[in-house]
């Protein structure tokens, strides 16, 4: 039986919180940041909760050892 391989880009983009919620960072933080206002750039600096059940299933399938 072969080993289960983790999808590396999924493992880098998602984390689980201590309460078990799936967290992700916003994309585009470094792109054209001189044009963005400080309030827009501040939204990129913290992790957001992924509430979609389909996304949770997909991450669990792609990165089963992430938990």
N, C-alpha and C. Protein backbone atom coordinates (compact mmCIF):
# COMPACT_ATOMS: atom_id res chain seq x y z
N UNK A 1 0.84 -1.19 0.00
CA UNK A 1 0.00 0.00 0.00
C UNK A 1 0.89 1.26 0.00
N UNK A 2 0.73 2.15 -0.97
CA UNK A 2 1.59 3.34 -1.01
C UNK A 2 1.22 4.35 0.07
N UNK A 3 2.17 5.21 0.37
CA UNK A 3 1.93 6.24 1.37
C UNK A 3 0.96 7.29 0.81
N UNK A 4 0.24 7.96 1.69
CA UNK A 4 -0.64 9.06 1.29
C UNK A 4 0.21 10.32 1.22
N UNK A 5 0.21 10.95 0.05
CA UNK A 5 1.01 12.15 -0.13
C UNK A 5 0.16 13.39 0.14
N UNK A 6 0.76 14.37 0.81
CA UNK A 6 0.10 15.63 1.10
C UNK A 6 0.28 16.58 -0.07
N UNK A 7 -0.79 17.27 -0.46
CA UNK A 7 -0.72 18.30 -1.49
C UNK A 7 -0.07 19.52 -0.86
N UNK A 8 1.18 19.82 -1.25
CA UNK A 8 2.00 20.78 -0.54
C UNK A 8 1.46 22.20 -0.59
N UNK A 9 0.91 22.63 -1.73
CA UNK A 9 0.41 24.00 -1.80
C UNK A 9 -0.83 24.18 -0.92
N UNK A 10 -1.63 23.13 -0.76
CA UNK A 10 -2.77 23.19 0.15
C UNK A 10 -2.29 23.27 1.59
N UNK A 11 -1.27 22.51 1.93
CA UNK A 11 -0.74 22.51 3.29
C UNK A 11 -0.15 23.87 3.66
N UNK A 12 0.39 24.60 2.68
CA UNK A 12 0.96 25.90 2.95
C UNK A 12 -0.10 26.98 3.09
N UNK A 13 -1.24 26.81 2.43
CA UNK A 13 -2.25 27.86 2.39
C UNK A 13 -3.28 27.77 3.51
N UNK A 14 -3.44 26.60 4.11
CA UNK A 14 -4.49 26.41 5.10
C UNK A 14 -3.91 25.94 6.42
N UNK A 15 -4.54 26.34 7.52
CA UNK A 15 -4.20 25.89 8.86
C UNK A 15 -5.49 25.64 9.61
N UNK A 16 -5.42 24.82 10.65
CA UNK A 16 -6.55 24.63 11.54
C UNK A 16 -6.30 25.41 12.82
N UNK A 17 -7.33 26.08 13.33
CA UNK A 17 -7.20 26.80 14.59
C UNK A 17 -7.27 25.80 15.74
N UNK A 18 -7.08 26.29 16.95
CA UNK A 18 -7.11 25.41 18.11
C UNK A 18 -8.51 24.86 18.37
N UNK A 19 -9.53 25.56 17.89
CA UNK A 19 -10.91 25.08 18.05
C UNK A 19 -11.36 24.23 16.88
N UNK A 20 -10.49 24.02 15.87
CA UNK A 20 -10.81 23.15 14.76
C UNK A 20 -11.36 23.84 13.53
N UNK A 21 -11.35 25.18 13.51
CA UNK A 21 -11.83 25.90 12.33
C UNK A 21 -10.72 25.93 11.28
N UNK A 22 -11.12 25.90 10.01
CA UNK A 22 -10.17 25.97 8.91
C UNK A 22 -9.87 27.43 8.61
N UNK A 23 -8.59 27.80 8.69
CA UNK A 23 -8.18 29.19 8.52
C UNK A 23 -7.35 29.32 7.24
N UNK A 24 -7.45 30.49 6.60
CA UNK A 24 -6.67 30.77 5.39
C UNK A 24 -6.25 32.23 5.41
N UNK A 25 -5.20 32.54 4.67
CA UNK A 25 -4.78 33.92 4.50
C UNK A 25 -5.33 34.44 3.17
N UNK A 26 -5.46 35.76 3.07
CA UNK A 26 -5.94 36.36 1.83
C UNK A 26 -4.81 36.39 0.81
N UNK A 27 -5.15 36.23 -0.46
CA UNK A 27 -4.14 36.29 -1.50
C UNK A 27 -3.95 37.73 -1.97
N UNK A 28 -2.83 38.02 -2.59
CA UNK A 28 -2.58 39.33 -3.18
C UNK A 28 -2.02 40.35 -2.23
N UNK A 29 -1.41 39.94 -1.13
CA UNK A 29 -0.91 40.89 -0.15
C UNK A 29 0.23 41.73 -0.70
N UNK A 30 1.14 41.11 -1.43
CA UNK A 30 2.32 41.83 -1.91
C UNK A 30 2.15 42.46 -3.27
N UNK A 31 1.02 42.27 -3.91
CA UNK A 31 0.85 42.72 -5.29
C UNK A 31 0.30 44.14 -5.32
N UNK A 32 1.04 45.09 -5.92
CA UNK A 32 0.63 46.49 -6.09
C UNK A 32 0.24 47.13 -4.76
N UNK A 33 1.07 46.96 -3.75
CA UNK A 33 0.66 47.43 -2.43
C UNK A 33 0.80 48.92 -2.23
N UNK A 34 1.50 49.61 -3.13
CA UNK A 34 1.59 51.07 -2.99
C UNK A 34 0.28 51.75 -3.35
N UNK A 35 -0.53 51.11 -4.17
CA UNK A 35 -1.80 51.71 -4.58
C UNK A 35 -2.91 51.44 -3.57
N UNK A 36 -2.73 50.46 -2.70
CA UNK A 36 -3.80 50.07 -1.79
C UNK A 36 -3.79 50.96 -0.55
N UNK A 37 -4.98 51.20 -0.03
CA UNK A 37 -5.10 51.99 1.19
C UNK A 37 -4.67 51.15 2.39
N UNK A 38 -4.31 51.80 3.50
CA UNK A 38 -3.91 51.04 4.69
C UNK A 38 -5.01 50.13 5.24
N UNK A 39 -6.26 50.54 5.10
CA UNK A 39 -7.34 49.69 5.61
C UNK A 39 -7.50 48.44 4.76
N UNK A 40 -7.26 48.55 3.46
CA UNK A 40 -7.34 47.38 2.59
C UNK A 40 -6.18 46.44 2.89
N UNK A 41 -4.97 47.01 3.08
CA UNK A 41 -3.82 46.18 3.37
C UNK A 41 -3.94 45.50 4.73
N UNK A 42 -4.66 46.10 5.64
CA UNK A 42 -4.83 45.51 6.97
C UNK A 42 -5.68 44.25 6.92
N UNK A 43 -6.58 44.15 5.93
CA UNK A 43 -7.41 42.96 5.84
C UNK A 43 -6.61 41.73 5.41
N UNK A 44 -5.41 41.94 4.82
CA UNK A 44 -4.57 40.83 4.40
C UNK A 44 -3.74 40.26 5.54
N UNK A 45 -3.66 40.94 6.67
CA UNK A 45 -2.67 40.58 7.68
C UNK A 45 -3.18 39.57 8.70
N UNK A 46 -4.43 39.16 8.65
CA UNK A 46 -4.91 38.18 9.62
C UNK A 46 -5.60 37.03 8.89
N UNK A 47 -5.70 35.91 9.55
CA UNK A 47 -6.29 34.70 8.94
C UNK A 47 -7.80 34.78 8.96
N UNK A 48 -8.42 34.34 7.90
CA UNK A 48 -9.87 34.33 7.77
C UNK A 48 -10.37 32.91 7.92
N UNK A 49 -11.58 32.77 8.45
CA UNK A 49 -12.19 31.46 8.63
C UNK A 49 -12.82 31.04 7.31
N UNK A 50 -12.55 29.80 6.88
CA UNK A 50 -13.17 29.25 5.69
C UNK A 50 -14.41 28.49 6.12
N UNK A 51 -15.58 29.00 5.78
CA UNK A 51 -16.83 28.43 6.28
C UNK A 51 -17.48 27.46 5.30
N UNK A 52 -16.96 27.38 4.09
CA UNK A 52 -17.55 26.52 3.08
C UNK A 52 -17.30 25.04 3.41
N UNK A 53 -18.36 24.26 3.43
CA UNK A 53 -18.22 22.83 3.73
C UNK A 53 -17.47 22.11 2.62
N UNK A 54 -17.66 22.56 1.38
CA UNK A 54 -16.94 21.95 0.26
C UNK A 54 -15.45 22.19 0.34
N UNK A 55 -15.06 23.39 0.77
CA UNK A 55 -13.64 23.68 0.92
C UNK A 55 -13.03 22.85 2.04
N UNK A 56 -13.78 22.66 3.13
CA UNK A 56 -13.28 21.83 4.22
C UNK A 56 -13.07 20.39 3.78
N UNK A 57 -14.01 19.86 2.99
CA UNK A 57 -13.86 18.50 2.48
C UNK A 57 -12.67 18.39 1.53
N UNK A 58 -12.49 19.39 0.68
CA UNK A 58 -11.41 19.37 -0.29
C UNK A 58 -10.05 19.43 0.40
N UNK A 59 -9.92 20.28 1.42
CA UNK A 59 -8.66 20.38 2.15
C UNK A 59 -8.38 19.10 2.90
N UNK A 60 -9.40 18.49 3.46
CA UNK A 60 -9.22 17.23 4.19
C UNK A 60 -8.75 16.11 3.26
N UNK A 61 -9.23 16.13 2.03
CA UNK A 61 -8.83 15.12 1.04
C UNK A 61 -7.41 15.37 0.54
N UNK A 62 -7.07 16.65 0.31
CA UNK A 62 -5.76 16.96 -0.26
C UNK A 62 -4.65 16.92 0.78
N UNK A 63 -4.95 17.31 2.01
CA UNK A 63 -3.93 17.34 3.06
C UNK A 63 -4.46 16.64 4.30
N UNK A 64 -4.50 15.30 4.31
CA UNK A 64 -5.09 14.60 5.44
C UNK A 64 -4.27 14.70 6.72
N UNK A 65 -2.98 14.99 6.62
CA UNK A 65 -2.15 15.06 7.83
C UNK A 65 -2.07 16.48 8.38
N UNK A 66 -2.85 17.40 7.87
CA UNK A 66 -2.78 18.81 8.28
C UNK A 66 -3.32 19.03 9.67
N UNK A 67 -4.25 18.24 10.12
CA UNK A 67 -4.93 18.47 11.40
C UNK A 67 -4.01 18.38 12.58
